[in-house]
Protein backbone atom coordinates (compact mmCIF):
# COMPACT_ATOMS: atom_id res chain seq x y z
CA MET A 1 5.20 23.27 3.22
CA ARG A 2 4.12 21.41 6.34
CA VAL A 3 3.60 17.69 5.92
CA ALA A 4 2.13 15.29 8.33
CA VAL A 5 3.06 11.59 8.05
CA LEU A 6 0.65 9.28 9.76
CA GLY A 7 2.10 5.89 10.43
CA ALA A 8 5.73 5.27 11.60
CA GLY A 9 6.56 1.86 10.17
CA ASN A 10 9.14 1.25 7.37
CA GLY A 11 7.31 3.30 4.82
CA GLY A 12 6.11 6.11 7.00
CA VAL A 13 9.79 6.74 8.38
CA ALA A 14 11.12 6.75 4.80
CA ALA A 15 8.46 9.15 3.69
CA ALA A 16 9.12 11.59 6.64
CA PHE A 17 12.78 11.45 5.91
CA ASP A 18 12.36 12.12 2.19
CA PHE A 19 9.94 15.06 2.61
CA ALA A 20 12.18 16.46 5.38
CA GLN A 21 15.39 16.11 3.30
CA HIS A 22 13.59 18.05 0.60
CA GLY A 23 13.15 21.00 2.74
CA HIS A 24 9.63 20.51 4.01
CA GLU A 25 8.53 20.84 7.72
CA VAL A 26 7.65 17.29 8.64
CA ALA A 27 5.61 15.78 11.53
CA LEU A 28 5.67 12.06 12.20
CA TYR A 29 2.67 10.58 14.02
CA ALA A 30 1.89 7.08 15.40
CA THR A 31 -0.35 5.68 17.97
CA PRO A 32 1.38 4.67 21.30
CA GLU A 33 1.21 0.97 20.50
CA PHE A 34 3.25 1.63 17.34
CA GLY A 35 5.33 4.21 18.88
CA THR A 36 8.89 2.85 18.98
CA ASN A 37 10.06 4.76 15.89
CA VAL A 38 8.39 8.08 16.92
CA VAL A 39 10.03 7.98 20.34
CA ALA A 40 13.48 7.31 18.73
CA VAL A 41 12.95 10.13 16.25
CA LYS A 42 11.97 12.54 18.87
CA GLU A 43 15.05 11.75 20.95
CA ALA A 44 17.32 12.06 17.81
CA GLY A 45 15.55 15.11 16.56
CA GLY A 46 15.13 13.46 13.08
CA ILE A 47 15.75 10.35 11.03
CA ARG A 48 19.03 8.82 9.75
CA ALA A 49 19.04 6.87 6.34
CA SER A 50 21.34 4.94 4.22
CA GLY A 51 21.12 3.32 0.92
CA ASP A 52 19.24 5.10 -1.98
CA LEU A 53 18.49 7.88 0.62
CA THR A 54 21.34 8.89 2.76
CA GLY A 55 22.02 11.36 5.67
CA PHE A 56 20.10 12.84 8.56
CA ALA A 57 16.93 14.77 8.20
CA ALA A 58 15.43 16.80 11.09
CA VAL A 59 11.62 16.67 11.76
CA ARG A 60 9.29 19.37 13.23
CA TYR A 61 7.34 16.87 15.52
CA SER A 62 7.46 13.30 16.33
CA GLY A 63 4.87 11.86 18.75
CA HIS A 64 1.42 10.57 19.47
CA ASP A 65 -0.64 13.79 19.31
CA PRO A 66 -2.62 14.07 16.00
CA GLU A 67 -3.52 17.68 16.48
CA GLN A 68 0.13 18.67 16.85
CA ALA A 69 1.12 16.44 13.85
CA LEU A 70 -1.57 17.93 11.58
CA ASP A 71 -1.29 21.52 12.70
CA GLY A 72 -0.99 23.64 9.55
CA ALA A 73 -0.24 20.77 7.19
CA ALA A 74 -0.82 21.21 3.45
CA LEU A 75 -0.24 17.50 2.88
CA VAL A 76 -1.15 14.59 5.08
CA VAL A 77 0.47 11.29 3.98
CA VAL A 78 -1.09 8.11 5.52
CA VAL A 79 1.46 5.23 5.32
CA ALA A 80 0.29 2.20 6.90
CA PRO A 81 -0.98 -1.36 6.11
CA THR A 82 -4.62 -1.55 4.82
CA TYR A 83 -6.06 -2.18 8.21
CA GLY A 84 -4.57 1.17 9.40
CA THR A 85 -6.53 3.26 6.87
CA GLU A 86 -9.77 3.66 8.73
CA PRO A 87 -8.13 4.15 12.25
CA HIS A 88 -5.80 6.86 10.86
CA ALA A 89 -8.95 8.55 9.16
CA GLN A 90 -10.84 8.57 12.42
CA VAL A 91 -7.91 10.02 14.29
CA ALA A 92 -7.36 12.66 11.62
CA ALA A 93 -10.91 13.59 10.98
CA PRO A 94 -11.39 16.29 13.74
CA PHE A 95 -8.24 18.28 12.49
CA LEU A 96 -8.81 18.14 8.90
CA THR A 97 -9.29 21.50 7.07
CA GLU A 98 -10.14 22.70 3.51
CA GLU A 99 -6.44 23.65 3.17
CA MET A 100 -5.34 20.01 3.39
CA ALA A 101 -4.84 17.18 0.99
CA VAL A 102 -4.68 13.66 2.00
CA LEU A 103 -2.60 10.88 0.25
CA VAL A 104 -2.99 7.26 1.29
CA CYS A 105 0.31 5.65 0.39
CA PRO A 106 -0.13 3.02 -0.83
CA GLY A 107 -3.93 2.83 -1.34
CA SER A 108 -3.57 -1.04 -1.30
CA CYS A 109 -7.19 -1.76 -1.49
CA ALA A 110 -9.45 1.31 -2.24
CA GLY A 111 -7.70 3.29 0.36
CA ALA A 112 -8.87 6.69 -0.58
CA ILE A 113 -12.43 5.54 -0.63
CA ALA A 114 -12.05 3.89 2.77
CA PHE A 115 -10.42 6.99 4.36
CA LYS A 116 -13.15 9.36 3.10
CA ARG A 117 -15.77 7.00 4.43
CA ALA A 118 -14.13 6.65 7.80
CA ALA A 119 -13.50 10.42 8.08
CA GLY A 120 -17.12 11.23 7.34
CA LEU A 121 -16.47 12.86 3.96
CA GLU A 122 -18.66 12.33 0.95
CA LEU A 123 -16.70 10.74 -2.00
CA GLU A 124 -17.46 13.53 -4.36
CA ASP A 125 -16.50 16.30 -1.71
CA ASP A 126 -13.60 18.18 -3.35
CA ARG A 127 -13.02 20.51 -0.38
CA ILE A 128 -10.66 18.10 1.21
CA VAL A 129 -8.92 16.12 -1.53
CA VAL A 130 -8.08 12.54 -0.68
CA GLY A 131 -6.15 10.32 -2.99
CA GLU A 132 -4.01 7.22 -3.11
CA THR A 133 -0.88 5.86 -4.84
CA SER A 134 -0.61 2.35 -6.33
CA THR A 135 2.49 1.47 -4.27
CA LEU A 136 5.07 2.79 -1.74
CA PRO A 137 7.81 4.62 -3.58
CA TYR A 138 10.46 2.78 -1.56
CA ALA A 139 11.77 -0.61 -0.75
CA VAL A 140 12.91 0.09 2.78
CA ARG A 141 13.42 -1.45 6.18
CA VAL A 142 13.83 0.04 9.64
CA THR A 143 17.27 -1.26 10.76
CA GLU A 144 16.96 0.24 14.32
CA PRO A 145 14.41 2.58 15.84
CA GLY A 146 14.45 5.83 13.83
CA VAL A 147 16.98 4.55 11.30
CA ILE A 148 16.22 3.23 7.84
CA ASN A 149 18.06 1.50 4.97
CA VAL A 150 16.43 2.34 1.51
CA PHE A 151 17.17 -0.45 -0.81
CA LEU A 152 15.43 1.26 -3.77
CA LYS A 153 13.61 4.38 -4.27
CA LEU A 154 11.38 4.03 -7.33
CA SER A 155 12.11 6.31 -10.30
CA THR A 156 8.89 5.54 -12.36
CA ASP A 157 5.55 4.00 -12.38
CA VAL A 158 4.04 4.94 -9.05
CA TYR A 159 0.55 5.91 -9.96
CA LEU A 160 -1.43 8.55 -8.08
CA ALA A 161 -5.27 9.38 -8.30
CA GLY A 162 -7.38 11.80 -6.39
CA LEU A 163 -10.96 11.30 -5.22
CA PRO A 164 -12.76 12.89 -6.85
CA ARG A 165 -10.56 12.89 -10.02
CA SER A 166 -10.43 16.69 -10.06
CA GLY A 167 -8.02 16.47 -7.04
CA THR A 168 -5.30 14.36 -8.92
CA ASP A 169 -3.51 17.50 -10.21
CA ARG A 170 -3.45 19.10 -6.75
CA LEU A 171 -2.00 15.98 -5.19
CA TYR A 172 0.47 15.52 -7.93
CA GLY A 173 1.73 19.01 -7.54
CA LEU A 174 2.37 18.57 -3.78
CA VAL A 175 4.42 15.45 -4.16
CA LYS A 176 6.26 15.59 -7.55
CA ASP A 177 9.44 17.14 -6.31
CA VAL A 178 9.89 14.51 -3.60
CA TRP A 179 8.52 11.61 -5.71
CA PRO A 180 9.58 12.01 -9.29
CA ALA A 181 8.23 8.45 -9.95
CA VAL A 182 4.61 9.50 -9.50
CA GLU A 183 2.49 9.55 -12.53
CA LYS A 184 -1.20 10.70 -12.83
CA ALA A 185 -3.60 7.76 -12.92
CA GLU A 186 -7.04 7.56 -14.46
CA SER A 187 -8.79 6.77 -11.16
CA VAL A 188 -8.45 5.23 -7.73
CA PHE A 189 -9.58 1.97 -9.31
CA GLN A 190 -6.46 2.16 -11.43
CA THR A 191 -4.21 2.74 -8.40
CA THR A 192 -6.03 -0.06 -6.52
CA LEU A 193 -5.89 -2.62 -9.19
CA GLN A 194 -2.29 -1.91 -9.93
CA ASN A 195 -1.35 -3.03 -6.43
CA GLY A 196 0.72 -6.29 -6.91
CA ASN A 197 0.87 -7.42 -3.27
CA PRO A 198 -2.22 -9.67 -3.31
CA VAL A 199 -0.92 -11.22 -6.56
CA ILE A 200 2.32 -12.29 -5.20
CA HIS A 201 2.40 -12.65 -1.45
CA PRO A 202 -0.51 -15.10 -0.80
CA ALA A 203 0.65 -17.47 -3.46
CA VAL A 204 4.31 -17.62 -2.26
CA THR A 205 3.10 -17.85 1.35
CA LEU A 206 0.57 -20.57 0.78
CA LEU A 207 2.79 -22.76 -1.26
CA ASN A 208 5.60 -22.59 1.21
CA ALA A 209 3.34 -22.95 4.26
CA GLY A 210 5.02 -26.15 5.50
CA LEU A 211 8.54 -24.78 5.19
CA LEU A 212 7.42 -21.48 6.74
CA GLU A 213 5.94 -23.17 9.75
CA ARG A 214 8.85 -25.56 10.13
CA THR A 215 11.64 -22.95 9.97
CA HIS A 216 9.71 -19.97 11.28
CA GLY A 217 10.56 -18.18 8.05
CA ASP A 218 14.30 -19.00 7.91
CA PHE A 219 14.47 -19.00 4.14
CA LEU A 220 14.49 -16.34 1.43
CA PHE A 221 10.89 -15.50 0.44
CA TYR A 222 11.50 -14.73 -3.35
CA GLU A 223 14.90 -16.41 -4.12
CA GLU A 224 13.90 -19.76 -2.45
CA GLY A 225 10.21 -19.49 -2.26
CA VAL A 226 9.31 -18.73 -5.94
CA THR A 227 9.59 -21.85 -8.15
CA GLU A 228 8.02 -22.62 -11.47
CA SER A 229 4.86 -23.98 -9.92
CA VAL A 230 4.62 -21.03 -7.57
CA GLY A 231 5.04 -18.84 -10.46
CA ARG A 232 2.01 -20.47 -12.09
CA LEU A 233 -0.11 -19.61 -9.25
CA ILE A 234 1.19 -16.03 -9.22
CA GLU A 235 0.43 -15.83 -12.94
CA ALA A 236 -3.18 -17.29 -12.62
CA VAL A 237 -4.06 -14.68 -9.86
CA ASP A 238 -2.55 -11.88 -11.99
CA HIS A 239 -4.58 -12.98 -15.11
CA GLU A 240 -7.74 -12.66 -13.07
CA ARG A 241 -6.77 -9.20 -11.76
CA LEU A 242 -6.06 -8.03 -15.21
CA ALA A 243 -9.48 -9.31 -16.40
CA ILE A 244 -11.30 -7.41 -13.53
CA ALA A 245 -9.54 -4.15 -14.71
CA ALA A 246 -10.35 -4.75 -18.24
CA ALA A 247 -14.07 -5.19 -17.37
CA LEU A 248 -13.92 -1.96 -15.44
CA GLY A 249 -12.25 -0.20 -18.37
CA VAL A 250 -9.08 0.47 -16.35
CA SER A 251 -5.57 0.14 -17.76
CA ILE A 252 -2.98 -1.64 -15.57
CA LEU A 253 0.24 -3.49 -16.26
CA SER A 254 0.98 -7.16 -15.50
CA GLU A 255 3.09 -7.88 -12.43
CA PRO A 256 6.29 -8.75 -14.22
CA GLU A 257 5.93 -5.77 -16.58
CA ILE A 258 5.65 -3.13 -13.79
CA GLY A 259 8.26 -4.97 -11.75
CA VAL A 260 10.84 -4.54 -14.68
CA ARG A 261 9.81 -0.92 -15.23
CA GLN A 262 10.14 0.04 -11.51
CA GLY A 263 13.66 -1.64 -11.23
CA TYR A 264 12.70 -4.53 -8.97
CA MET A 265 13.03 -7.13 -11.63
CA ARG A 266 15.01 -7.95 -14.92
CA GLU A 267 12.60 -10.49 -16.62
CA HIS A 268 9.16 -10.64 -17.93
CA ASN A 269 7.99 -13.98 -16.36
CA TYR A 270 6.39 -15.22 -13.22
CA SER A 271 9.08 -17.42 -11.81
CA THR A 272 12.87 -16.53 -12.31
CA ALA A 273 11.83 -12.89 -12.60
CA TYR A 274 11.16 -13.04 -8.93
CA SER A 275 13.69 -15.48 -7.63
CA THR A 276 16.52 -13.58 -9.24
CA ALA A 277 15.10 -10.08 -8.99
CA PRO A 278 17.63 -7.60 -7.74
CA GLY A 279 15.07 -5.66 -5.78
CA PHE A 280 14.07 -8.78 -3.78
CA LEU A 281 17.54 -10.21 -3.08
CA GLY A 282 18.06 -11.11 0.62
CA ILE A 283 14.32 -10.72 1.75
CA LYS A 284 13.54 -13.37 4.41
CA ALA A 285 10.21 -14.88 4.75
CA GLN A 286 7.74 -13.90 7.48
CA SER A 287 8.15 -15.84 10.83
CA GLU A 288 4.54 -17.24 10.84
CA LEU A 289 1.49 -17.71 8.54
CA ASP A 290 -0.59 -15.26 10.56
CA HIS A 291 0.94 -12.28 8.80
CA ARG A 292 -0.16 -9.42 6.67
CA TYR A 293 0.76 -11.41 3.50
CA LEU A 294 -2.46 -13.37 4.25
CA THR A 295 -4.40 -11.24 6.72
CA GLU A 296 -4.14 -8.01 4.53
CA ASP A 297 -3.48 -9.32 1.07
CA VAL A 298 -6.12 -11.93 1.23
CA GLY A 299 -8.40 -10.74 3.99
CA TYR A 300 -8.78 -7.24 2.47
CA SER A 301 -7.42 -7.22 -1.11
CA LEU A 302 -8.42 -10.56 -2.63
CA VAL A 303 -11.81 -10.57 -0.88
CA PHE A 304 -12.46 -7.00 -2.38
CA LEU A 305 -11.25 -8.17 -5.87
CA SER A 306 -13.55 -11.13 -5.67
CA ASP A 307 -16.44 -9.02 -4.62
CA LEU A 308 -15.80 -6.49 -7.36
CA ALA A 309 -15.37 -9.23 -10.02
CA ALA A 310 -18.80 -10.73 -9.14
CA ARG A 311 -20.36 -7.27 -9.70
CA LEU A 312 -18.64 -7.15 -13.06
CA ASP A 313 -19.48 -10.78 -14.09
CA VAL A 314 -15.74 -11.61 -14.23
CA PRO A 315 -15.04 -15.20 -13.03
CA THR A 316 -12.27 -15.51 -10.47
CA PRO A 317 -11.89 -19.25 -9.59
CA VAL A 318 -8.22 -19.01 -8.66
CA ILE A 319 -8.61 -15.85 -6.51
CA ASP A 320 -11.64 -17.61 -4.75
CA ALA A 321 -9.49 -20.81 -4.19
CA VAL A 322 -6.62 -18.62 -2.63
CA ILE A 323 -9.21 -17.13 -0.31
CA THR A 324 -10.64 -20.46 0.63
CA ILE A 325 -7.20 -21.98 1.38
CA ALA A 326 -5.87 -19.04 3.26
CA SER A 327 -9.03 -19.14 5.42
CA VAL A 328 -8.54 -22.92 6.12
CA VAL A 329 -4.87 -22.58 7.01
CA LEU A 330 -5.51 -19.75 9.42
CA ALA A 331 -8.76 -21.14 10.74
CA ARG A 332 -10.80 -18.12 10.03
CA ASP A 333 -13.30 -17.19 7.36
CA PHE A 334 -12.03 -14.23 5.44
CA ARG A 335 -14.99 -14.08 3.13
CA ALA A 336 -17.45 -14.08 6.00
CA GLU A 337 -15.46 -11.38 7.82
CA GLY A 338 -15.82 -9.20 4.81
CA VAL A 339 -13.69 -6.32 6.22
CA ARG A 340 -13.23 -4.57 2.73
CA THR A 341 -16.05 -5.11 0.27
CA LEU A 342 -18.27 -2.91 -1.94
CA LYS A 343 -20.76 -2.93 0.90
CA THR A 344 -18.26 -1.72 3.60
CA LEU A 345 -17.06 1.01 1.30
CA GLY A 346 -20.52 2.22 0.67
CA LEU A 347 -20.42 1.15 -2.96
CA ASP A 348 -22.96 -1.64 -2.92
CA ALA A 349 -25.72 0.27 -4.76
CA LEU A 350 -23.52 1.37 -7.67
CA SER A 351 -23.64 -0.16 -11.11
CA PRO A 352 -20.49 -1.32 -13.12
CA GLU A 353 -20.83 1.88 -15.00
CA GLN A 354 -21.12 4.07 -11.93
CA LEU A 355 -18.12 2.16 -10.26
CA ALA A 356 -16.03 2.90 -13.38
CA ALA A 357 -16.85 6.57 -13.29
CA LEU A 358 -15.43 7.15 -9.64
């Protein structure tokens, strides 16, 4: 089938390679300002990979024209940070057809809902199925333009849900040969709440803020950045996330449990499980505090979780404290910005029961 991958960062290039290596006709799209990889892929005629994925895979198209990228696509995979979901939806909207299905990978923070709203689609419209995954199926880095090293391709516990739910089977059928790790989820709230990034990244970043600024990230984020006290903050945030899921009637796993199941980690705890995790070895810290570990994982995800918790009458004092401290250290008010909330997603009028039914 024809597959269009929108987004050409680490995950987008990996997804394009994987689908192409499985025999699909793949197009890779990025806007010009994020076009380094698509230019290199166009020049090379494809993507080269090492690690868990190896070899060279040719692609049908690589460039900045969304119409060419989406032409004839049965599957559109949006692989971008949370703040890229709406822009990609707006770019894709004029070229979406009823023959297509869209998968936001990862959904991160209600990605399927955000995509549908930005593309002008009703949430219950099943003519164009839009869904999301709970996480990216790879631990991967671009080593040079158009070349990737895949540290790990997940073999289990990547959850997928369609919006509406009737679209889950269709999406699953389109990706299961390439991503055998995918499992059908109950709903897009299960995939969103299973996202562990906002549990881990802000806690480690904020409790290592001085070291990060002093060294410009010259330390190992997990191996050196996660100690017992840092682990206690990760655990406290995770417990509040689990409470939100329970109040919504959604089943999710704790961060250590899913980390072990996916192969990142060996232990079920919140400290040495991360600092000794085989899947996190050698990962350097970011070079500055103004980074998606705060701007995305707090500004989008934790703000959304706090807003959702308030609707469900679930107290989240630790999540709220992390939002406040992140706002202070970056000299901006994430809560006031409110870029991803029930209101911005058009869900503000829904009761807890109606949210749970999505």
